[in-house]
Amino acid sequence: MTMYFSKSDEETTKTLLARIFERAEEKNIDKVILPSTSGVVARMAFDLVPDSVRLIIVTHSVGFREPDEDEFDPQVRKLYSGSRHSLLTVTHLFRGIEVAFAKANGGVYPLQIFATALRLFGQGTKVAVEIAIMAADAGIVRTDQWVISAGGTNHGIDTAFVLKPCHSTDLSIFKFGELIGIPSSL
């Protein structure tokens, strides 16, 4: 059953996390990929995650908003250190050097077009796809196994999919399995 959300907030995040973990156990999926800018989603997930699931938390890269700034809460980073879970802090797939060229020279580049197309299904869809590919590129998840990946619109998560990620060099093997939750304005 797909869940539909009218807002992206703490309540939606808790509801969707519960459904994500329930679905992971139903489908024997052992990896869940979540975005967390400040550490709030990462903290919530850490407190709720069942023993059968490993979390992969993808943070903003250092310098995402301000030079040399790490937006992620150091206490949450410490919580994850030494646990069975992973934190991934790297340049975002759709934000790398191409954004620097766009800012300096104007224009639109292929990664930005792809990101814009994914946003047609909501910001959370773009994020869920992006962080799944980033986790595959980092070797934290495999491309031949189903995972759950989530994304959000503003505050927390509001979108989640069961999917098989790909490496950024081969989009042809990316697979959507099912939609767990997504925003709706109906």
Protein backbone atom coordinates (compact mmCIF):
# COMPACT_ATOMS: atom_id res chain seq x y z
CA MET A 1 0.00 0.00 0.00
CA THR A 2 1.41 3.38 -1.05
CA MET A 3 1.20 6.17 1.52
CA TYR A 4 0.42 9.74 0.42
CA PHE A 5 1.50 12.79 2.43
CA SER A 6 0.22 16.36 2.36
CA LYS A 7 3.26 17.81 4.15
CA SER A 8 6.90 17.10 4.94
CA ASP A 9 7.46 17.35 8.68
CA GLU A 10 8.45 15.37 11.77
CA GLU A 11 5.12 13.50 11.93
CA THR A 12 5.36 12.47 8.26
CA THR A 13 8.99 11.42 8.79
CA LYS A 14 8.12 9.19 11.77
CA THR A 15 5.16 7.65 9.92
CA LEU A 16 7.20 6.96 6.80
CA LEU A 17 10.18 5.59 8.76
CA ALA A 18 7.87 3.12 10.50
CA ARG A 19 6.47 1.99 7.13
CA ILE A 20 9.95 1.80 5.57
CA PHE A 21 11.20 -0.48 8.34
CA GLU A 22 8.04 -2.57 8.22
CA ARG A 23 8.40 -2.98 4.45
CA ALA A 24 12.10 -3.79 4.75
CA GLU A 25 11.28 -6.64 7.11
CA GLU A 26 8.39 -7.87 4.92
CA LYS A 27 10.64 -7.97 1.83
CA ASN A 28 13.84 -9.08 3.63
CA ILE A 29 15.60 -5.89 2.58
CA ASP A 30 18.56 -5.25 4.83
CA LYS A 31 19.67 -1.77 3.70
CA VAL A 32 17.81 1.54 3.95
CA ILE A 33 19.30 4.72 2.49
CA LEU A 34 18.15 8.00 4.04
CA PRO A 35 19.11 11.64 3.54
CA SER A 36 19.89 13.74 6.59
CA THR A 37 21.14 17.31 6.35
CA SER A 38 21.39 18.25 10.01
CA GLY A 39 21.13 14.83 11.63
CA VAL A 40 17.47 14.98 12.68
CA VAL A 41 16.31 12.20 10.32
CA ALA A 42 19.44 10.18 11.13
CA ARG A 43 18.70 10.42 14.86
CA MET A 44 15.06 9.43 14.43
CA ALA A 45 15.97 6.49 12.23
CA PHE A 46 18.70 5.30 14.63
CA ASP A 47 16.15 5.15 17.44
CA LEU A 48 13.58 3.23 15.35
CA VAL A 49 15.61 0.91 13.11
CA PRO A 50 15.10 -2.84 13.64
CA ASP A 51 18.13 -5.07 14.15
CA SER A 52 17.65 -6.64 10.71
CA VAL A 53 18.22 -3.33 8.89
CA ARG A 54 21.42 -1.41 8.24
CA LEU A 55 21.08 2.35 7.73
CA ILE A 56 23.06 4.31 5.18
CA ILE A 57 22.72 8.00 5.97
CA VAL A 58 23.73 10.42 3.20
CA THR A 59 24.56 13.90 4.45
CA HIS A 60 25.24 17.12 2.62
CA SER A 61 28.86 17.46 1.60
CA VAL A 62 31.06 19.78 3.62
CA GLY A 63 30.75 23.21 2.01
CA PHE A 64 27.29 22.50 0.55
CA ARG A 65 25.87 25.82 1.80
CA GLU A 66 28.92 27.68 3.16
CA PRO A 67 32.64 27.08 2.57
CA ASP A 68 34.09 24.53 5.01
CA GLU A 69 30.78 24.17 6.88
CA ASP A 70 29.53 20.71 7.91
CA GLU A 71 25.79 21.00 8.59
CA PHE A 72 25.55 17.54 10.18
CA ASP A 73 25.28 17.39 13.98
CA PRO A 74 28.62 16.14 15.39
CA GLN A 75 26.80 14.32 18.23
CA VAL A 76 24.74 12.31 15.72
CA ARG A 77 27.92 11.61 13.73
CA LYS A 78 29.46 10.26 16.96
CA LEU A 79 26.35 8.12 17.59
CA TYR A 80 26.81 6.42 14.20
CA SER A 81 30.57 5.98 14.61
CA GLY A 82 31.33 2.36 15.43
CA SER A 83 27.75 1.22 14.83
CA ARG A 84 26.61 -1.21 12.11
CA HIS A 85 25.29 1.78 10.17
CA SER A 86 27.11 4.06 7.69
CA LEU A 87 27.36 7.80 7.14
CA LEU A 88 28.23 8.98 3.64
CA THR A 89 29.41 12.60 3.33
CA VAL A 90 30.47 13.26 -0.27
CA THR A 91 29.63 15.57 -3.16
CA HIS A 92 26.08 15.00 -4.34
CA LEU A 93 25.62 13.28 -7.67
CA PHE A 94 23.68 16.20 -9.21
CA ARG A 95 25.74 18.96 -7.59
CA GLY A 96 29.42 18.48 -8.46
CA ILE A 97 31.62 20.44 -10.81
CA GLU A 98 28.77 20.85 -13.29
CA VAL A 99 27.04 23.27 -10.88
CA ALA A 100 30.23 25.34 -10.73
CA PHE A 101 30.20 25.63 -14.53
CA ALA A 102 26.51 26.56 -14.53
CA LYS A 103 27.09 29.26 -11.91
CA ALA A 104 30.13 30.66 -13.71
CA ASN A 105 28.89 30.42 -17.29
CA GLY A 106 25.13 30.15 -17.15
CA GLY A 107 23.31 27.46 -19.02
CA VAL A 108 21.95 24.05 -18.25
CA TYR A 109 23.98 20.86 -18.19
CA PRO A 110 22.93 17.19 -18.51
CA LEU A 111 22.94 16.33 -14.79
CA GLN A 112 20.73 19.33 -14.06
CA ILE A 113 18.30 18.22 -16.77
CA PHE A 114 18.15 14.72 -15.25
CA ALA A 115 17.60 16.15 -11.74
CA THR A 116 14.85 18.45 -13.04
CA ALA A 117 13.11 15.52 -14.74
CA LEU A 118 13.16 13.52 -11.50
CA ARG A 119 11.72 16.51 -9.60
CA LEU A 120 8.61 16.23 -11.78
CA PHE A 121 7.74 13.38 -9.39
CA GLY A 122 8.74 15.48 -6.37
CA GLN A 123 11.95 16.65 -4.72
CA GLY A 124 11.98 13.48 -2.62
CA THR A 125 12.09 11.30 -5.74
CA LYS A 126 15.14 13.17 -6.99
CA VAL A 127 16.84 12.78 -3.61
CA ALA A 128 15.98 9.08 -3.25
CA VAL A 129 17.42 8.25 -6.68
CA GLU A 130 20.47 10.46 -6.18
CA ILE A 131 21.49 9.06 -2.79
CA ALA A 132 20.95 5.45 -3.92
CA ILE A 133 23.36 5.99 -6.82
CA MET A 134 25.82 7.76 -4.51
CA ALA A 135 25.72 4.81 -2.09
CA ALA A 136 26.35 2.38 -4.96
CA ASP A 137 29.25 4.47 -6.23
CA ALA A 138 30.72 4.44 -2.70
CA GLY A 139 30.41 0.63 -2.56
CA ILE A 140 28.05 0.71 0.42
CA VAL A 141 25.19 -0.97 -1.47
CA ARG A 142 25.21 -3.41 -4.36
CA THR A 143 23.49 -2.84 -7.68
CA ASP A 144 22.05 -6.37 -7.80
CA GLN A 145 20.15 -6.13 -4.51
CA TRP A 146 16.94 -4.37 -3.55
CA VAL A 147 17.26 -1.50 -1.07
CA ILE A 148 14.87 1.12 0.22
CA SER A 149 15.82 4.72 -0.51
CA ALA A 150 14.02 7.80 0.75
CA GLY A 151 14.00 11.52 0.09
CA GLY A 152 12.34 14.63 1.32
CA THR A 153 10.98 17.98 0.29
CA ASN A 154 11.99 20.35 3.05
CA HIS A 155 11.95 19.04 6.60
CA GLY A 156 12.30 15.28 6.96
CA ILE A 157 11.38 12.56 4.50
CA ASP A 158 8.15 12.19 2.53
CA THR A 159 9.12 9.83 -0.31
CA ALA A 160 10.43 6.25 -0.35
CA PHE A 161 10.99 3.54 -2.95
CA VAL A 162 12.14 -0.04 -3.08
CA LEU A 163 14.76 0.02 -5.83
CA LYS A 164 17.92 -1.50 -7.23
CA PRO A 165 20.51 1.26 -7.56
CA CYS A 166 23.12 1.60 -10.26
CA HIS A 167 26.52 3.18 -10.51
CA SER A 168 26.53 6.67 -11.99
CA THR A 169 28.28 5.26 -15.05
CA ASP A 170 25.42 2.90 -16.01
CA LEU A 171 21.84 4.13 -15.55
CA SER A 172 20.52 1.24 -17.66
CA ILE A 173 20.55 -1.15 -14.68
CA PHE A 174 18.62 1.12 -12.28
CA LYS A 175 15.26 -0.45 -11.32
CA PHE A 176 12.26 0.86 -9.43
CA GLY A 177 10.53 -1.92 -7.49
CA GLU A 178 7.72 -0.19 -5.64
CA LEU A 179 6.61 3.13 -4.28
CA ILE A 180 6.22 3.17 -0.49
CA GLY A 181 5.29 6.83 0.04
CA ILE A 182 5.12 10.12 -1.82
CA PRO A 183 3.69 13.64 -1.40
CA SER A 184 0.29 14.36 -2.92
CA SER A 185 -1.59 17.60 -3.25
CA LEU A 186 -4.95 15.90 -3.90
